[in-house]
Amino acid sequence: MTTNQPDITVEEIAECVSHFRASKPHVHCITNIVAQNFTANVLLAAGATPSMTVAVAEVASFVDMADALLINLGTLDFERMKSVHIAAKHAKQLNKPWALDPVFVQASPSRLELAKFLLGQQPSLVRCNAGEGTVLFDGNFDPADLSKLKEYNLTSIAVTGEEDQIWASNCRLTVSNGHPFMDRVTAMGCALTALMVGFMATEHNEALAITSALVMFGLAGEVAGKNTNGPGSFAPVFLDALHNLGDDDIKQRAKFR
């Protein structure tokens, strides 16, 4: 399968962000214990509604209520492992967007086995770094040629790093917004995945949705980086920047191609 050049404008990204805020999507997050608080605050600052339960008895009900689902494999206790099976199957049955964040999938055989099962449930989005992607896709992974991952029946993949690579809607895109401090604050990537799948709940053009989330997140990082001296002060200023980001910021400083 070939990929096309994206036909996305900064005006469309700004409109997508405005629509996301107006829609206030509910994102249910089964995420790691390190990331829960920050992920919830990122979603709230961006204009979404988070929920975080991992309880087996009620996770299906929360997926019912939510507009989108995040499954993050950062910390895998017994209840989370059971819950992600239920939630992924339920989201697939309901045809709701859901994202897989295969954190440290290379760390243990059981984690990789679970990630492979979740791939079989056809997530709407896989967000990973290059190392995680290499292990998850059995070495069949090249961020410069993401189209070949169509064989896994995935519609959208984002590989985040110094530059963020996206494959979605038969397009390849690169987003370059961001700040080095973002690598020094825990749960940044985890929260980003939640934001991305929230955008996918409000925008059917997956390439536009994912690009808009990455631009919004990266621009907030740039603003926070200019107004802080280190990672300790970065996180709260980042949340303020995410909340206050305006159309002009997006139209003037979005970096994507």
C-alpha atoms as a PDB file:
ATOM      1  CA  MET A   1       0.000   0.000   0.000  1.00  0.00           C
ATOM      2  CA  THR A   2       1.289   3.447  -0.868  1.00  0.00           C
ATOM      3  CA  THR A   3       0.935   6.580   1.180  1.00  0.00           C
ATOM      4  CA  ASN A   4      -0.116  10.023   0.039  1.00  0.00           C
ATOM      5  CA  GLN A   5       1.015  13.464   1.007  1.00  0.00           C
ATOM      6  CA  PRO A   6      -1.286  14.923   3.670  1.00  0.00           C
ATOM      7  CA  ASP A   7      -3.831  17.506   2.641  1.00  0.00           C
ATOM      8  CA  ILE A   8      -4.128  19.180   6.033  1.00  0.00           C
ATOM      9  CA  THR A   9      -3.965  22.916   6.763  1.00  0.00           C
ATOM     10  CA  VAL A  10      -3.240  24.845   9.947  1.00  0.00           C
ATOM     11  CA  GLU A  11      -6.766  26.232   9.733  1.00  0.00           C
ATOM     12  CA  GLU A  12      -8.159  22.697   9.831  1.00  0.00           C
ATOM     13  CA  ILE A  13      -5.991  21.857  12.828  1.00  0.00           C
ATOM     14  CA  ALA A  14      -7.183  24.963  14.679  1.00  0.00           C
ATOM     15  CA  GLU A  15     -10.794  24.072  13.861  1.00  0.00           C
ATOM     16  CA  CYS A  16     -10.233  20.475  14.985  1.00  0.00           C
ATOM     17  CA  VAL A  17      -8.885  21.684  18.348  1.00  0.00           C
ATOM     18  CA  SER A  18     -11.865  24.003  18.792  1.00  0.00           C
ATOM     19  CA  HIS A  19     -14.277  21.184  17.967  1.00  0.00           C
ATOM     20  CA  PHE A  20     -12.527  18.886  20.430  1.00  0.00           C
ATOM     21  CA  ARG A  21     -12.904  21.445  23.212  1.00  0.00           C
ATOM     22  CA  ALA A  22     -16.559  22.047  22.380  1.00  0.00           C
ATOM     23  CA  SER A  23     -17.305  18.314  22.247  1.00  0.00           C
ATOM     24  CA  LYS A  24     -15.626  17.518  25.604  1.00  0.00           C
ATOM     25  CA  PRO A  25     -15.056  13.839  24.767  1.00  0.00           C
ATOM     26  CA  HIS A  26     -15.022  11.327  27.610  1.00  0.00           C
ATOM     27  CA  VAL A  27     -11.853   9.222  27.490  1.00  0.00           C
ATOM     28  CA  HIS A  28     -11.680   6.164  29.711  1.00  0.00           C
ATOM     29  CA  CYS A  29      -8.080   5.409  30.625  1.00  0.00           C
ATOM     30  CA  ILE A  30      -6.721   2.097  31.799  1.00  0.00           C
ATOM     31  CA  THR A  31      -3.245   3.386  32.381  1.00  0.00           C
ATOM     32  CA  ASN A  32      -0.318   2.890  34.703  1.00  0.00           C
ATOM     33  CA  ILE A  33      -0.304   4.088  38.286  1.00  0.00           C
ATOM     34  CA  VAL A  34       2.490   6.578  37.592  1.00  0.00           C
ATOM     35  CA  ALA A  35       0.498   8.227  34.814  1.00  0.00           C
ATOM     36  CA  GLN A  36      -3.056   8.352  36.148  1.00  0.00           C
ATOM     37  CA  ASN A  37      -3.053  11.768  37.795  1.00  0.00           C
ATOM     38  CA  PHE A  38      -1.132  13.570  35.067  1.00  0.00           C
ATOM     39  CA  THR A  39      -3.165  11.952  32.289  1.00  0.00           C
ATOM     40  CA  ALA A  40      -6.413  13.046  33.930  1.00  0.00           C
ATOM     41  CA  ASN A  41      -5.109  16.594  34.315  1.00  0.00           C
ATOM     42  CA  VAL A  42      -3.941  16.744  30.684  1.00  0.00           C
ATOM     43  CA  LEU A  43      -7.361  15.668  29.438  1.00  0.00           C
ATOM     44  CA  LEU A  44      -9.090  18.192  31.676  1.00  0.00           C
ATOM     45  CA  ALA A  45      -6.741  21.007  30.644  1.00  0.00           C
ATOM     46  CA  ALA A  46      -7.298  20.203  26.970  1.00  0.00           C
ATOM     47  CA  GLY A  47     -11.081  20.209  27.419  1.00  0.00           C
ATOM     48  CA  ALA A  48     -11.920  16.511  27.694  1.00  0.00           C
ATOM     49  CA  THR A  49     -13.412  14.379  30.482  1.00  0.00           C
ATOM     50  CA  PRO A  50     -11.323  11.544  31.980  1.00  0.00           C
ATOM     51  CA  SER A  51     -12.235   8.419  33.892  1.00  0.00           C
ATOM     52  CA  MET A  52      -9.720   5.968  35.330  1.00  0.00           C
ATOM     53  CA  THR A  53     -11.249   2.891  36.909  1.00  0.00           C
ATOM     54  CA  VAL A  54      -9.536  -0.464  36.377  1.00  0.00           C
ATOM     55  CA  ALA A  55     -12.068  -2.468  38.378  1.00  0.00           C
ATOM     56  CA  VAL A  56     -13.032  -5.628  36.502  1.00  0.00           C
ATOM     57  CA  ALA A  57     -16.620  -5.408  37.730  1.00  0.00           C
ATOM     58  CA  GLU A  58     -17.279  -2.018  36.169  1.00  0.00           C
ATOM     59  CA  VAL A  59     -14.787  -1.421  33.358  1.00  0.00           C
ATOM     60  CA  ALA A  60     -17.257  -2.487  30.642  1.00  0.00           C
ATOM     61  CA  SER A  61     -19.796   0.027  31.959  1.00  0.00           C
ATOM     62  CA  PHE A  62     -17.213   2.803  31.792  1.00  0.00           C
ATOM     63  CA  VAL A  63     -16.335   1.883  28.214  1.00  0.00           C
ATOM     64  CA  ASP A  64     -20.073   2.086  27.468  1.00  0.00           C
ATOM     65  CA  MET A  65     -20.179   5.647  28.820  1.00  0.00           C
ATOM     66  CA  ALA A  66     -16.944   6.814  27.231  1.00  0.00           C
ATOM     67  CA  ASP A  67     -16.362   8.169  23.738  1.00  0.00           C
ATOM     68  CA  ALA A  68     -12.876   6.632  23.526  1.00  0.00           C
ATOM     69  CA  LEU A  69     -10.605   4.223  25.374  1.00  0.00           C
ATOM     70  CA  LEU A  70      -6.905   4.234  26.239  1.00  0.00           C
ATOM     71  CA  ILE A  71      -5.082   1.024  27.172  1.00  0.00           C
ATOM     72  CA  ASN A  72      -1.587   1.675  28.513  1.00  0.00           C
ATOM     73  CA  LEU A  73       0.609  -1.247  29.578  1.00  0.00           C
ATOM     74  CA  GLY A  74       2.931   0.699  31.862  1.00  0.00           C
ATOM     75  CA  THR A  75       2.136  -1.114  35.119  1.00  0.00           C
ATOM     76  CA  LEU A  76       0.457  -4.488  34.836  1.00  0.00           C
ATOM     77  CA  ASP A  77      -1.040  -5.795  38.032  1.00  0.00           C
ATOM     78  CA  PHE A  78      -3.511  -8.681  37.917  1.00  0.00           C
ATOM     79  CA  GLU A  79      -6.652  -6.532  37.834  1.00  0.00           C
ATOM     80  CA  ARG A  80      -5.350  -4.313  35.039  1.00  0.00           C
ATOM     81  CA  MET A  81      -4.466  -7.358  32.962  1.00  0.00           C
ATOM     82  CA  LYS A  82      -8.008  -8.695  33.300  1.00  0.00           C
ATOM     83  CA  SER A  83      -9.552  -5.283  32.690  1.00  0.00           C
ATOM     84  CA  VAL A  84      -7.715  -4.593  29.463  1.00  0.00           C
ATOM     85  CA  HIS A  85      -9.016  -7.838  27.965  1.00  0.00           C
ATOM     86  CA  ILE A  86     -12.579  -6.837  28.801  1.00  0.00           C
ATOM     87  CA  ALA A  87     -12.219  -3.215  27.743  1.00  0.00           C
ATOM     88  CA  ALA A  88     -10.537  -3.894  24.399  1.00  0.00           C
ATOM     89  CA  LYS A  89     -13.111  -6.485  23.375  1.00  0.00           C
ATOM     90  CA  HIS A  90     -15.950  -4.206  24.472  1.00  0.00           C
ATOM     91  CA  ALA A  91     -14.622  -1.165  22.614  1.00  0.00           C
ATOM     92  CA  LYS A  92     -14.212  -3.264  19.469  1.00  0.00           C
ATOM     93  CA  GLN A  93     -17.791  -4.545  19.740  1.00  0.00           C
ATOM     94  CA  LEU A  94     -19.087  -1.002  20.189  1.00  0.00           C
ATOM     95  CA  ASN A  95     -16.881   0.333  17.381  1.00  0.00           C
ATOM     96  CA  LYS A  96     -15.449   3.008  19.645  1.00  0.00           C
ATOM     97  CA  PRO A  97     -11.972   4.425  19.023  1.00  0.00           C
ATOM     98  CA  TRP A  98      -9.361   2.955  21.314  1.00  0.00           C
ATOM     99  CA  ALA A  99      -5.615   3.323  21.564  1.00  0.00           C
ATOM    100  CA  LEU A 100      -2.904   0.883  22.581  1.00  0.00           C
ATOM    101  CA  ASP A 101       0.190   2.288  24.262  1.00  0.00           C
ATOM    102  CA  PRO A 102       2.562  -0.724  24.532  1.00  0.00           C
ATOM    103  CA  VAL A 103       4.861   0.729  27.178  1.00  0.00           C
ATOM    104  CA  PHE A 104       8.058  -1.314  27.701  1.00  0.00           C
ATOM    105  CA  VAL A 105       6.647  -4.126  25.588  1.00  0.00           C
ATOM    106  CA  GLN A 106      10.216  -5.388  25.257  1.00  0.00           C
ATOM    107  CA  ALA A 107      10.562  -5.860  29.027  1.00  0.00           C
ATOM    108  CA  SER A 108       8.930  -9.265  29.535  1.00  0.00           C
ATOM    109  CA  PRO A 109       7.335 -12.137  27.584  1.00  0.00           C
ATOM    110  CA  SER A 110       4.008 -11.756  29.402  1.00  0.00           C
ATOM    111  CA  ARG A 111       3.782  -8.073  28.513  1.00  0.00           C
ATOM    112  CA  LEU A 112       4.525  -8.821  24.872  1.00  0.00           C
ATOM    113  CA  GLU A 113       1.952 -11.617  24.832  1.00  0.00           C
ATOM    114  CA  LEU A 114      -0.704  -9.252  26.162  1.00  0.00           C
ATOM    115  CA  ALA A 115       0.243  -6.579  23.631  1.00  0.00           C
ATOM    116  CA  LYS A 116      -0.038  -9.117  20.819  1.00  0.00           C
ATOM    117  CA  PHE A 117      -3.505 -10.102  22.020  1.00  0.00           C
ATOM    118  CA  LEU A 118      -4.520  -6.451  22.053  1.00  0.00           C
ATOM    119  CA  LEU A 119      -3.212  -5.969  18.521  1.00  0.00           C
ATOM    120  CA  GLY A 120      -5.612  -8.735  17.526  1.00  0.00           C
ATOM    121  CA  GLN A 121      -8.478  -6.600  18.835  1.00  0.00           C
ATOM    122  CA  GLN A 122      -7.590  -4.027  16.146  1.00  0.00           C
ATOM    123  CA  PRO A 123      -6.936  -0.822  18.071  1.00  0.00           C
ATOM    124  CA  SER A 124      -7.775   2.393  16.286  1.00  0.00           C
ATOM    125  CA  LEU A 125      -4.324   3.694  17.147  1.00  0.00           C
ATOM    126  CA  VAL A 126      -0.998   2.306  18.295  1.00  0.00           C
ATOM    127  CA  ARG A 127       1.271   4.948  19.826  1.00  0.00           C
ATOM    128  CA  CYS A 128       4.805   3.799  20.602  1.00  0.00           C
ATOM    129  CA  ASN A 129       8.462   4.700  20.343  1.00  0.00           C
ATOM    130  CA  ALA A 130      10.743   3.075  17.787  1.00  0.00           C
ATOM    131  CA  GLY A 131      12.120   0.484  20.227  1.00  0.00           C
ATOM    132  CA  GLU A 132       8.663  -0.632  21.326  1.00  0.00           C
ATOM    133  CA  GLY A 133       7.493  -0.804  17.734  1.00  0.00           C
ATOM    134  CA  THR A 134      10.395  -2.995  16.683  1.00  0.00           C
ATOM    135  CA  VAL A 135       9.556  -5.596  19.327  1.00  0.00           C
ATOM    136  CA  LEU A 136       5.778  -5.358  18.960  1.00  0.00           C
ATOM    137  CA  PHE A 137       5.887  -5.915  15.209  1.00  0.00           C
ATOM    138  CA  ASP A 138       8.509  -8.690  15.254  1.00  0.00           C
ATOM    139  CA  GLY A 139      11.233  -6.537  13.781  1.00  0.00           C
ATOM    140  CA  ASN A 140       8.999  -5.649  10.817  1.00  0.00           C
ATOM    141  CA  PHE A 141       9.139  -1.981  11.654  1.00  0.00           C
ATOM    142  CA  ASP A 142      10.503   1.059   9.877  1.00  0.00           C
ATOM    143  CA  PRO A 143       9.169   4.480  10.873  1.00  0.00           C
ATOM    144  CA  ALA A 144      10.066   5.697   7.380  1.00  0.00           C
ATOM    145  CA  ASP A 145       7.698   3.157   5.806  1.00  0.00           C
ATOM    146  CA  LEU A 146       4.763   2.712   8.146  1.00  0.00           C
ATOM    147  CA  SER A 147       2.406   1.690   5.358  1.00  0.00           C
ATOM    148  CA  LYS A 148       3.624  -1.913   5.435  1.00  0.00           C
ATOM    149  CA  LEU A 149       2.097  -2.253   8.918  1.00  0.00           C
ATOM    150  CA  LYS A 150      -1.272  -2.384   7.201  1.00  0.00           C
ATOM    151  CA  GLU A 151      -0.802  -6.142   7.361  1.00  0.00           C
ATOM    152  CA  TYR A 152      -1.661  -5.874  11.061  1.00  0.00           C
ATOM    153  CA  ASN A 153      -5.082  -4.409  10.184  1.00  0.00           C
ATOM    154  CA  LEU A 154      -4.245  -1.135  11.910  1.00  0.00           C
ATOM    155  CA  THR A 155      -5.563   2.132  10.575  1.00  0.00           C
ATOM    156  CA  SER A 156      -3.370   4.536  12.565  1.00  0.00           C
ATOM    157  CA  ILE A 157       0.108   4.375  14.042  1.00  0.00           C
ATOM    158  CA  ALA A 158       2.113   7.128  15.698  1.00  0.00           C
ATOM    159  CA  VAL A 159       5.802   6.763  16.485  1.00  0.00           C
ATOM    160  CA  THR A 160       6.840   9.532  18.838  1.00  0.00           C
ATOM    161  CA  GLY A 161      10.354  10.793  19.376  1.00  0.00           C
ATOM    162  CA  GLU A 162      12.423  13.837  18.489  1.00  0.00           C
ATOM    163  CA  GLU A 163      10.012  14.131  15.573  1.00  0.00           C
ATOM    164  CA  ASP A 164       6.644  12.400  15.621  1.00  0.00           C
ATOM    165  CA  GLN A 165       5.818  10.130  12.690  1.00  0.00           C
ATOM    166  CA  ILE A 166       2.180   9.384  11.846  1.00  0.00           C
ATOM    167  CA  TRP A 167       0.604   6.911   9.476  1.00  0.00           C
ATOM    168  CA  ALA A 168      -3.148   7.374   9.151  1.00  0.00           C
ATOM    169  CA  SER A 169      -5.817   7.674   6.471  1.00  0.00           C
ATOM    170  CA  ASN A 170      -3.279   6.425   3.895  1.00  0.00           C
ATOM    171  CA  CYS A 171      -1.040   9.399   4.654  1.00  0.00           C
ATOM    172  CA  ARG A 172       2.349   9.832   6.272  1.00  0.00           C
ATOM    173  CA  LEU A 173       2.943  12.953   8.332  1.00  0.00           C
ATOM    174  CA  THR A 174       5.643  14.330  10.581  1.00  0.00           C
ATOM    175  CA  VAL A 175       5.036  16.723  13.490  1.00  0.00           C
ATOM    176  CA  SER A 176       8.033  18.632  14.859  1.00  0.00           C
ATOM    177  CA  ASN A 177       6.545  20.664  17.720  1.00  0.00           C
ATOM    178  CA  GLY A 178       7.755  19.993  21.258  1.00  0.00           C
ATOM    179  CA  HIS A 179      10.436  20.743  23.856  1.00  0.00           C
ATOM    180  CA  PRO A 180      13.280  18.660  25.388  1.00  0.00           C
ATOM    181  CA  PHE A 181      11.790  18.968  28.904  1.00  0.00           C
ATOM    182  CA  MET A 182       8.913  16.764  27.733  1.00  0.00           C
ATOM    183  CA  ASP A 183      11.296  13.808  27.939  1.00  0.00           C
ATOM    184  CA  ARG A 184      12.073  14.670  31.557  1.00  0.00           C
ATOM    185  CA  VAL A 185       8.545  14.580  32.967  1.00  0.00           C
ATOM    186  CA  THR A 186       6.969  11.216  33.679  1.00  0.00           C
ATOM    187  CA  ALA A 187       3.716  10.253  31.958  1.00  0.00           C
ATOM    188  CA  MET A 188       4.024  12.758  29.099  1.00  0.00           C
ATOM    189  CA  GLY A 189       3.772  10.059  26.450  1.00  0.00           C
ATOM    190  CA  CYS A 190       1.025   8.227  28.319  1.00  0.00           C
ATOM    191  CA  ALA A 191      -1.071  11.378  28.537  1.00  0.00           C
ATOM    192  CA  LEU A 192      -0.400  12.168  24.897  1.00  0.00           C
ATOM    193  CA  THR A 193      -1.901   8.848  23.788  1.00  0.00           C
ATOM    194  CA  ALA A 194      -5.048   9.591  25.780  1.00  0.00           C
ATOM    195  CA  LEU A 195      -5.321  12.985  24.119  1.00  0.00           C
ATOM    196  CA  MET A 196      -4.812  11.501  20.659  1.00  0.00           C
ATOM    197  CA  VAL A 197      -7.583   8.941  21.007  1.00  0.00           C
ATOM    198  CA  GLY A 198      -9.839  11.649  22.452  1.00  0.00           C
ATOM    199  CA  PHE A 199      -9.341  13.610  19.242  1.00  0.00           C
ATOM    200  CA  MET A 200     -10.192  10.477  17.263  1.00  0.00           C
ATOM    201  CA  ALA A 201     -13.577  10.430  18.999  1.00  0.00           C
ATOM    202  CA  THR A 202     -14.425  13.901  17.695  1.00  0.00           C
ATOM    203  CA  GLU A 203     -12.807  13.876  14.233  1.00  0.00           C
ATOM    204  CA  HIS A 204     -13.370  11.084  11.681  1.00  0.00           C
ATOM    205  CA  ASN A 205     -10.322  12.039   9.599  1.00  0.00           C
ATOM    206  CA  GLU A 206      -7.762  10.090  11.599  1.00  0.00           C
ATOM    207  CA  ALA A 207      -4.763  11.869  10.095  1.00  0.00           C
ATOM    208  CA  LEU A 208      -6.228  15.249  11.042  1.00  0.00           C
ATOM    209  CA  ALA A 209      -7.224  14.058  14.523  1.00  0.00           C
ATOM    210  CA  ILE A 210      -3.799  12.649  15.399  1.00  0.00           C
ATOM    211  CA  THR A 211      -1.910  15.549  13.867  1.00  0.00           C
ATOM    212  CA  SER A 212      -4.058  18.058  15.751  1.00  0.00           C
ATOM    213  CA  ALA A 213      -3.443  16.308  19.073  1.00  0.00           C
ATOM    214  CA  LEU A 214       0.313  16.187  18.478  1.00  0.00           C
ATOM    215  CA  VAL A 215       0.475  19.835  17.428  1.00  0.00           C
ATOM    216  CA  MET A 216      -1.584  20.948  20.427  1.00  0.00           C
ATOM    217  CA  PHE A 217       0.538  18.894  22.825  1.00  0.00           C
ATOM    218  CA  GLY A 218       3.846  19.941  21.273  1.00  0.00           C
ATOM    219  CA  LEU A 219       2.983  23.635  21.174  1.00  0.00           C
ATOM    220  CA  ALA A 220       2.001  23.547  24.843  1.00  0.00           C
ATOM    221  CA  GLY A 221       5.402  22.003  25.528  1.00  0.00           C
ATOM    222  CA  GLU A 222       7.150  24.794  23.647  1.00  0.00           C
ATOM    223  CA  VAL A 223       5.284  27.470  25.607  1.00  0.00           C
ATOM    224  CA  ALA A 224       6.037  25.748  28.916  1.00  0.00           C
ATOM    225  CA  GLY A 225       9.688  25.278  28.003  1.00  0.00           C
ATOM    226  CA  LYS A 226      10.130  28.988  27.366  1.00  0.00           C
ATOM    227  CA  ASN A 227       8.661  29.859  30.757  1.00  0.00           C
ATOM    228  CA  THR A 228      10.401  27.337  33.034  1.00  0.00           C
ATOM    229  CA  ASN A 229      13.921  26.396  34.058  1.00  0.00           C
ATOM    230  CA  GLY A 230      13.518  22.658  34.532  1.00  0.00           C
ATOM    231  CA  PRO A 231      11.152  19.694  34.643  1.00  0.00           C
ATOM    232  CA  GLY A 232       9.885  20.416  38.173  1.00  0.00           C
ATOM    233  CA  SER A 233       8.166  23.614  37.123  1.00  0.00           C
ATOM    234  CA  PHE A 234       7.475  22.426  33.588  1.00  0.00           C
ATOM    235  CA  ALA A 235       4.511  20.132  34.301  1.00  0.00           C
ATOM    236  CA  PRO A 236       2.108  22.688  35.859  1.00  0.00           C
ATOM    237  CA  VAL A 237       3.041  25.360  33.331  1.00  0.00           C
ATOM    238  CA  PHE A 238       2.477  22.812  30.565  1.00  0.00           C
ATOM    239  CA  LEU A 239      -1.080  22.218  31.793  1.00  0.00           C
ATOM    240  CA  ASP A 240      -1.746  25.964  31.788  1.00  0.00           C
ATOM    241  CA  ALA A 241      -0.313  26.264  28.283  1.00  0.00           C
ATOM    242  CA  LEU A 242      -2.456  23.379  27.042  1.00  0.00           C
ATOM    243  CA  HIS A 243      -5.559  25.034  28.473  1.00  0.00           C
ATOM    244  CA  ASN A 244      -4.747  28.483  27.078  1.00  0.00           C
ATOM    245  CA  LEU A 245      -3.490  27.526  23.619  1.00  0.00           C
ATOM    246  CA  GLY A 246      -5.299  29.615  21.012  1.00  0.00           C
ATOM    247  CA  ASP A 247      -6.018  29.508  17.308  1.00  0.00           C
ATOM    248  CA  ASP A 248      -3.296  32.034  16.551  1.00  0.00           C
ATOM    249  CA  ASP A 249      -0.698  29.904  18.355  1.00  0.00           C
ATOM    250  CA  ILE A 250      -1.623  26.961  16.144  1.00  0.00           C
ATOM    251  CA  LYS A 251      -1.788  28.916  12.891  1.00  0.00           C
ATOM    252  CA  GLN A 252       1.525  30.658  13.489  1.00  0.00           C
ATOM    253  CA  ARG A 253       3.646  27.906  15.020  1.00  0.00           C
ATOM    254  CA  ALA A 254       2.383  24.449  14.012  1.00  0.00           C
ATOM    255  CA  LYS A 255       5.199  22.420  12.449  1.00  0.00           C
ATOM    256  CA  PHE A 256       4.053  19.485  10.348  1.00  0.00           C
ATOM    257  CA  ARG A 257       4.643  18.099   6.917  1.00  0.00           C
END
